[in-house]
């Protein structure tokens, strides 16, 4: 039996999206995330749009709240 990949929630995030999400949830700006992960700010924005859609949120603040509530995620 083949399972489809998750489309929502933390488990649906790619490794790159999860890395960006973790840093943003810690309070880092998009520019700081880009510098730390050696990405362009445009790429960080793209990952964040995907993260927001998969988690059903709209802002950095909501992401930080989720990160605080779900500190045991992978």
PDB file of N, CA and C in Angstrom:
ATOM      1  N   UNK A   1       0.844  -1.178   0.000  1.00  0.00           N
ATOM      2  CA  UNK A   1       0.000   0.000   0.000  1.00  0.00           C
ATOM      3  C   UNK A   1       0.893   1.247   0.000  1.00  0.00           C
ATOM      4  N   UNK A   2       0.683   2.127  -0.945  1.00  0.00           N
ATOM      5  CA  UNK A   2       1.471   3.352  -1.057  1.00  0.00           C
ATOM      6  C   UNK A   2       0.685   4.495  -0.448  1.00  0.00           C
ATOM      7  N   UNK A   3       1.333   5.226   0.445  1.00  0.00           N
ATOM      8  CA  UNK A   3       0.683   6.374   1.088  1.00  0.00           C
ATOM      9  C   UNK A   3       1.063   7.649   0.371  1.00  0.00           C
ATOM     10  N   UNK A   4       0.100   8.536   0.265  1.00  0.00           N
ATOM     11  CA  UNK A   4       0.384   9.852  -0.315  1.00  0.00           C
ATOM     12  C   UNK A   4       1.096  10.702   0.722  1.00  0.00           C
ATOM     13  N   UNK A   5       1.969  11.592   0.277  1.00  0.00           N
ATOM     14  CA  UNK A   5       2.649  12.473   1.233  1.00  0.00           C
ATOM     15  C   UNK A   5       1.641  13.412   1.898  1.00  0.00           C
ATOM     16  N   UNK A   6       1.955  13.784   3.124  1.00  0.00           N
ATOM     17  CA  UNK A   6       1.097  14.713   3.858  1.00  0.00           C
ATOM     18  C   UNK A   6       1.075  16.056   3.143  1.00  0.00           C
ATOM     19  N   UNK A   7      -0.071  16.719   3.177  1.00  0.00           N
ATOM     20  CA  UNK A   7      -0.205  18.019   2.514  1.00  0.00           C
ATOM     21  C   UNK A   7      -0.342  19.162   3.501  1.00  0.00           C
ATOM     22  N   UNK A   8      -0.574  18.843   4.764  1.00  0.00           N
ATOM     23  CA  UNK A   8      -0.786  19.879   5.774  1.00  0.00           C
ATOM     24  C   UNK A   8      -0.030  19.523   7.049  1.00  0.00           C
ATOM     25  N   UNK A   9       0.291  20.542   7.811  1.00  0.00           N
ATOM     26  CA  UNK A   9       0.964  20.346   9.087  1.00  0.00           C
ATOM     27  C   UNK A   9       2.472  20.275   8.950  1.00  0.00           C
ATOM     28  N   UNK A  10       3.131  20.152  10.090  1.00  0.00           N
ATOM     29  CA  UNK A  10       4.595  20.138  10.140  1.00  0.00           C
ATOM     30  C   UNK A  10       5.166  19.006   9.302  1.00  0.00           C
ATOM     31  N   UNK A  11       4.504  17.857   9.277  1.00  0.00           N
ATOM     32  CA  UNK A  11       5.039  16.712   8.536  1.00  0.00           C
ATOM     33  C   UNK A  11       5.039  16.941   7.034  1.00  0.00           C
ATOM     34  N   UNK A  12       4.264  17.897   6.554  1.00  0.00           N
ATOM     35  CA  UNK A  12       4.189  18.190   5.121  1.00  0.00           C
ATOM     36  C   UNK A  12       5.334  19.078   4.643  1.00  0.00           C
ATOM     37  N   UNK A  13       6.059  19.683   5.566  1.00  0.00           N
ATOM     38  CA  UNK A  13       7.131  20.606   5.187  1.00  0.00           C
ATOM     39  C   UNK A  13       8.336  19.856   4.638  1.00  0.00           C
ATOM     40  N   UNK A  14       8.935  20.426   3.602  1.00  0.00           N
ATOM     41  CA  UNK A  14      10.206  19.891   3.110  1.00  0.00           C
ATOM     42  C   UNK A  14      11.287  20.253   4.125  1.00  0.00           C
ATOM     43  N   UNK A  15      12.453  19.670   3.977  1.00  0.00           N
ATOM     44  CA  UNK A  15      13.557  19.988   4.887  1.00  0.00           C
ATOM     45  C   UNK A  15      13.893  21.479   4.825  1.00  0.00           C
ATOM     46  N   UNK A  16      13.921  22.040   3.617  1.00  0.00           N
ATOM     47  CA  UNK A  16      14.240  23.463   3.459  1.00  0.00           C
ATOM     48  C   UNK A  16      13.164  24.333   4.111  1.00  0.00           C
ATOM     49  N   UNK A  17      11.908  23.993   3.896  1.00  0.00           N
ATOM     50  CA  UNK A  17      10.812  24.758   4.509  1.00  0.00           C
ATOM     51  C   UNK A  17      10.876  24.676   6.028  1.00  0.00           C
ATOM     52  N   UNK A  18      11.160  23.491   6.550  1.00  0.00           N
ATOM     53  CA  UNK A  18      11.248  23.316   8.003  1.00  0.00           C
ATOM     54  C   UNK A  18      12.402  24.136   8.584  1.00  0.00           C
ATOM     55  N   UNK A  19      13.533  24.185   7.890  1.00  0.00           N
ATOM     56  CA  UNK A  19      14.667  24.975   8.366  1.00  0.00           C
ATOM     57  C   UNK A  19      14.312  26.449   8.436  1.00  0.00           C
ATOM     58  N   UNK A  20      13.669  26.946   7.388  1.00  0.00           N
ATOM     59  CA  UNK A  20      13.241  28.344   7.369  1.00  0.00           C
ATOM     60  C   UNK A  20      12.215  28.588   8.477  1.00  0.00           C
ATOM     61  N   UNK A  21      11.249  27.689   8.608  1.00  0.00           N
ATOM     62  CA  UNK A  21      10.195  27.848   9.617  1.00  0.00           C
ATOM     63  C   UNK A  21      10.772  27.891  11.029  1.00  0.00           C
ATOM     64  N   UNK A  22      11.727  27.027  11.317  1.00  0.00           N
ATOM     65  CA  UNK A  22      12.321  27.000  12.660  1.00  0.00           C
ATOM     66  C   UNK A  22      12.994  28.332  12.993  1.00  0.00           C
ATOM     67  N   UNK A  23      13.748  28.863  12.043  1.00  0.00           N
ATOM     68  CA  UNK A  23      14.455  30.119  12.295  1.00  0.00           C
ATOM     69  C   UNK A  23      13.486  31.287  12.434  1.00  0.00           C
ATOM     70  N   UNK A  24      12.459  31.323  11.600  1.00  0.00           N
ATOM     71  CA  UNK A  24      11.458  32.393  11.709  1.00  0.00           C
ATOM     72  C   UNK A  24      10.702  32.268  13.029  1.00  0.00           C
ATOM     73  N   UNK A  25      10.379  31.045  13.426  1.00  0.00           N
ATOM     74  CA  UNK A  25       9.674  30.828  14.696  1.00  0.00           C
ATOM     75  C   UNK A  25      10.520  31.275  15.890  1.00  0.00           C
ATOM     76  N   UNK A  26      11.846  31.285  15.713  1.00  0.00           N
ATOM     77  CA  UNK A  26      12.751  31.755  16.773  1.00  0.00           C
ATOM     78  C   UNK A  26      12.857  33.278  16.794  1.00  0.00           C
ATOM     79  N   UNK A  27      12.205  33.941  15.837  1.00  0.00           N
ATOM     80  CA  UNK A  27      12.207  35.396  15.830  1.00  0.00           C
ATOM     81  C   UNK A  27      13.154  36.036  14.834  1.00  0.00           C
ATOM     82  N   UNK A  28      13.779  35.236  13.990  1.00  0.00           N
ATOM     83  CA  UNK A  28      14.693  35.795  12.997  1.00  0.00           C
ATOM     84  C   UNK A  28      13.918  36.426  11.842  1.00  0.00           C
ATOM     85  N   UNK A  29      14.487  37.461  11.249  1.00  0.00           N
ATOM     86  CA  UNK A  29      13.871  38.111  10.095  1.00  0.00           C
ATOM     87  C   UNK A  29      14.151  37.283   8.844  1.00  0.00           C
ATOM     88  N   UNK A  30      13.416  37.572   7.779  1.00  0.00           N
ATOM     89  CA  UNK A  30      13.649  36.877   6.513  1.00  0.00           C
ATOM     90  C   UNK A  30      15.082  37.074   6.047  1.00  0.00           C
ATOM     91  N   UNK A  31      15.594  38.277   6.189  1.00  0.00           N
ATOM     92  CA  UNK A  31      16.967  38.563   5.761  1.00  0.00           C
ATOM     93  C   UNK A  31      17.971  37.764   6.598  1.00  0.00           C
ATOM     94  N   UNK A  32      17.754  37.688   7.909  1.00  0.00           N
ATOM     95  CA  UNK A  32      18.651  36.911   8.769  1.00  0.00           C
ATOM     96  C   UNK A  32      18.612  35.429   8.395  1.00  0.00           C
ATOM     97  N   UNK A  33      17.420  34.929   8.114  1.00  0.00           N
ATOM     98  CA  UNK A  33      17.278  33.528   7.706  1.00  0.00           C
ATOM     99  C   UNK A  33      18.034  33.291   6.401  1.00  0.00           C
ATOM    100  N   UNK A  34      17.859  34.198   5.449  1.00  0.00           N
ATOM    101  CA  UNK A  34      18.537  34.066   4.157  1.00  0.00           C
ATOM    102  C   UNK A  34      20.051  34.012   4.341  1.00  0.00           C
ATOM    103  N   UNK A  35      20.589  34.904   5.147  1.00  0.00           N
ATOM    104  CA  UNK A  35      22.035  34.932   5.375  1.00  0.00           C
ATOM    105  C   UNK A  35      22.513  33.660   6.070  1.00  0.00           C
ATOM    106  N   UNK A  36      21.769  33.227   7.060  1.00  0.00           N
ATOM    107  CA  UNK A  36      22.188  32.052   7.829  1.00  0.00           C
ATOM    108  C   UNK A  36      22.159  30.766   7.002  1.00  0.00           C
ATOM    109  N   UNK A  37      21.157  30.648   6.115  1.00  0.00           N
ATOM    110  CA  UNK A  37      21.007  29.430   5.318  1.00  0.00           C
ATOM    111  C   UNK A  37      21.624  29.552   3.920  1.00  0.00           C
ATOM    112  N   UNK A  38      22.282  30.682   3.656  1.00  0.00           N
ATOM    113  CA  UNK A  38      22.903  30.926   2.358  1.00  0.00           C
ATOM    114  C   UNK A  38      21.886  30.826   1.222  1.00  0.00           C
ATOM    115  N   UNK A  39      20.752  31.491   1.431  1.00  0.00           N
ATOM    116  CA  UNK A  39      19.676  31.547   0.443  1.00  0.00           C
ATOM    117  C   UNK A  39      19.421  33.001   0.074  1.00  0.00           C
ATOM    118  N   UNK A  40      18.734  33.200  -1.022  1.00  0.00           N
ATOM    119  CA  UNK A  40      18.320  34.559  -1.353  1.00  0.00           C
ATOM    120  C   UNK A  40      17.057  34.887  -0.541  1.00  0.00           C
ATOM    121  N   UNK A  41      16.836  36.167  -0.253  1.00  0.00           N
ATOM    122  CA  UNK A  41      15.602  36.545   0.442  1.00  0.00           C
ATOM    123  C   UNK A  41      14.360  36.099  -0.331  1.00  0.00           C
ATOM    124  N   UNK A  42      14.439  36.092  -1.664  1.00  0.00           N
ATOM    125  CA  UNK A  42      13.312  35.629  -2.480  1.00  0.00           C
ATOM    126  C   UNK A  42      12.998  34.155  -2.193  1.00  0.00           C
ATOM    127  N   UNK A  43      14.028  33.335  -2.067  1.00  0.00           N
ATOM    128  CA  UNK A  43      13.842  31.912  -1.766  1.00  0.00           C
ATOM    129  C   UNK A  43      13.227  31.733  -0.387  1.00  0.00           C
ATOM    130  N   UNK A  44      13.674  32.516   0.574  1.00  0.00           N
ATOM    131  CA  UNK A  44      13.092  32.449   1.921  1.00  0.00           C
ATOM    132  C   UNK A  44      11.609  32.803   1.850  1.00  0.00           C
ATOM    133  N   UNK A  45      11.268  33.866   1.119  1.00  0.00           N
ATOM    134  CA  UNK A  45       9.858  34.247   0.974  1.00  0.00           C
ATOM    135  C   UNK A  45       9.043  33.123   0.347  1.00  0.00           C
ATOM    136  N   UNK A  46       9.597  32.476  -0.651  1.00  0.00           N
ATOM    137  CA  UNK A  46       8.908  31.374  -1.316  1.00  0.00           C
ATOM    138  C   UNK A  46       8.661  30.224  -0.344  1.00  0.00           C
ATOM    139  N   UNK A  47       9.686  29.859   0.416  1.00  0.00           N
ATOM    140  CA  UNK A  47       9.528  28.792   1.406  1.00  0.00           C
ATOM    141  C   UNK A  47       8.471  29.181   2.443  1.00  0.00           C
ATOM    142  N   UNK A  48       8.495  30.427   2.871  1.00  0.00           N
ATOM    143  CA  UNK A  48       7.521  30.863   3.875  1.00  0.00           C
ATOM    144  C   UNK A  48       6.096  30.821   3.353  1.00  0.00           C
ATOM    145  N   UNK A  49       5.898  31.196   2.098  1.00  0.00           N
ATOM    146  CA  UNK A  49       4.542  31.093   1.522  1.00  0.00           C
ATOM    147  C   UNK A  49       4.055  29.649   1.585  1.00  0.00           C
ATOM    148  N   UNK A  50       4.948  28.713   1.265  1.00  0.00           N
ATOM    149  CA  UNK A  50       4.583  27.295   1.338  1.00  0.00           C
ATOM    150  C   UNK A  50       4.316  26.856   2.774  1.00  0.00           C
ATOM    151  N   UNK A  51       5.158  27.297   3.694  1.00  0.00           N
ATOM    152  CA  UNK A  51       4.984  26.963   5.108  1.00  0.00           C
ATOM    153  C   UNK A  51       3.640  27.487   5.612  1.00  0.00           C
ATOM    154  N   UNK A  52       3.357  28.746   5.324  1.00  0.00           N
ATOM    155  CA  UNK A  52       2.100  29.342   5.781  1.00  0.00           C
ATOM    156  C   UNK A  52       0.910  28.569   5.234  1.00  0.00           C
ATOM    157  N   UNK A  53       0.960  28.198   3.960  1.00  0.00           N
ATOM    158  CA  UNK A  53      -0.154  27.457   3.352  1.00  0.00           C
ATOM    159  C   UNK A  53      -0.312  26.082   3.996  1.00  0.00           C
ATOM    160  N   UNK A  54       0.795  25.390   4.206  1.00  0.00           N
ATOM    161  CA  UNK A  54       0.731  24.038   4.766  1.00  0.00           C
ATOM    162  C   UNK A  54       0.298  24.039   6.231  1.00  0.00           C
ATOM    163  N   UNK A  55       0.629  25.102   6.956  1.00  0.00           N
ATOM    164  CA  UNK A  55       0.261  25.179   8.377  1.00  0.00           C
ATOM    165  C   UNK A  55      -1.041  25.943   8.593  1.00  0.00           C
ATOM    166  N   UNK A  56      -1.580  26.523   7.547  1.00  0.00           N
ATOM    167  CA  UNK A  56      -2.839  27.254   7.663  1.00  0.00           C
ATOM    168  C   UNK A  56      -2.709  28.538   8.460  1.00  0.00           C
ATOM    169  N   UNK A  57      -1.592  29.234   8.277  1.00  0.00           N
ATOM    170  CA  UNK A  57      -1.348  30.479   9.001  1.00  0.00           C
ATOM    171  C   UNK A  57      -1.028  31.584   8.003  1.00  0.00           C
ATOM    172  N   UNK A  58      -0.871  32.832   8.523  1.00  0.00           N
ATOM    173  CA  UNK A  58      -0.632  33.962   7.630  1.00  0.00           C
ATOM    174  C   UNK A  58       0.516  34.874   8.036  1.00  0.00           C
ATOM    175  N   UNK A  59       1.195  34.604   9.142  1.00  0.00           N
ATOM    176  CA  UNK A  59       2.202  35.563   9.583  1.00  0.00           C
ATOM    177  C   UNK A  59       3.327  34.905  10.375  1.00  0.00           C
ATOM    178  N   UNK A  60       4.396  35.684  10.523  1.00  0.00           N
ATOM    179  CA  UNK A  60       5.525  35.261  11.362  1.00  0.00           C
ATOM    180  C   UNK A  60       5.061  35.050  12.800  1.00  0.00           C
ATOM    181  N   UNK A  61       4.177  35.910  13.275  1.00  0.00           N
ATOM    182  CA  UNK A  61       3.691  35.822  14.660  1.00  0.00           C
ATOM    183  C   UNK A  61       2.972  34.497  14.885  1.00  0.00           C
ATOM    184  N   UNK A  62       2.112  34.124  13.951  1.00  0.00           N
ATOM    185  CA  UNK A  62       1.406  32.847  14.081  1.00  0.00           C
ATOM    186  C   UNK A  62       2.389  31.678  14.035  1.00  0.00           C
ATOM    187  N   UNK A  63       3.410  31.788  13.201  1.00  0.00           N
ATOM    188  CA  UNK A  63       4.419  30.739  13.124  1.00  0.00           C
ATOM    189  C   UNK A  63       5.174  30.621  14.444  1.00  0.00           C
ATOM    190  N   UNK A  64       5.509  31.745  15.049  1.00  0.00           N
ATOM    191  CA  UNK A  64       6.195  31.728  16.351  1.00  0.00           C
ATOM    192  C   UNK A  64       5.309  31.101  17.419  1.00  0.00           C
ATOM    193  N   UNK A  65       4.025  31.410  17.395  1.00  0.00           N
ATOM    194  CA  UNK A  65       3.097  30.808  18.365  1.00  0.00           C
ATOM    195  C   UNK A  65       3.016  29.301  18.185  1.00  0.00           C
ATOM    196  N   UNK A  66       2.907  28.856  16.943  1.00  0.00           N
ATOM    197  CA  UNK A  66       2.865  27.429  16.679  1.00  0.00           C
ATOM    198  C   UNK A  66       4.154  26.744  17.125  1.00  0.00           C
ATOM    199  N   UNK A  67       5.276  27.404  16.852  1.00  0.00           N
ATOM    200  CA  UNK A  67       6.562  26.846  17.260  1.00  0.00           C
ATOM    201  C   UNK A  67       6.663  26.692  18.767  1.00  0.00           C
ATOM    202  N   UNK A  68       6.132  27.653  19.493  1.00  0.00           N
ATOM    203  CA  UNK A  68       6.153  27.583  20.958  1.00  0.00           C
ATOM    204  C   UNK A  68       5.231  26.483  21.468  1.00  0.00           C
ATOM    205  N   UNK A  69       4.111  26.288  20.795  1.00  0.00           N
ATOM    206  CA  UNK A  69       3.153  25.270  21.218  1.00  0.00           C
ATOM    207  C   UNK A  69       3.589  23.877  20.824  1.00  0.00           C
ATOM    208  N   UNK A  70       4.368  23.769  19.776  1.00  0.00           N
ATOM    209  CA  UNK A  70       4.750  22.469  19.223  1.00  0.00           C
ATOM    210  C   UNK A  70       6.259  22.295  19.253  1.00  0.00           C
ATOM    211  N   UNK A  71       6.861  22.542  20.396  1.00  0.00           N
ATOM    212  CA  UNK A  71       8.322  22.542  20.527  1.00  0.00           C
ATOM    213  C   UNK A  71       8.931  21.159  20.300  1.00  0.00           C
ATOM    214  N   UNK A  72       8.153  20.100  20.348  1.00  0.00           N
ATOM    215  CA  UNK A  72       8.714  18.763  20.188  1.00  0.00           C
ATOM    216  C   UNK A  72       8.649  18.254  18.758  1.00  0.00           C
ATOM    217  N   UNK A  73       8.344  19.112  17.786  1.00  0.00           N
ATOM    218  CA  UNK A  73       8.308  18.672  16.390  1.00  0.00           C
ATOM    219  C   UNK A  73       9.715  18.340  15.912  1.00  0.00           C
ATOM    220  N   UNK A  74       9.810  17.528  14.873  1.00  0.00           N
ATOM    221  CA  UNK A  74      11.151  17.155  14.379  1.00  0.00           C
ATOM    222  C   UNK A  74      11.897  18.316  13.762  1.00  0.00           C
TER     223      UNK A  74
END
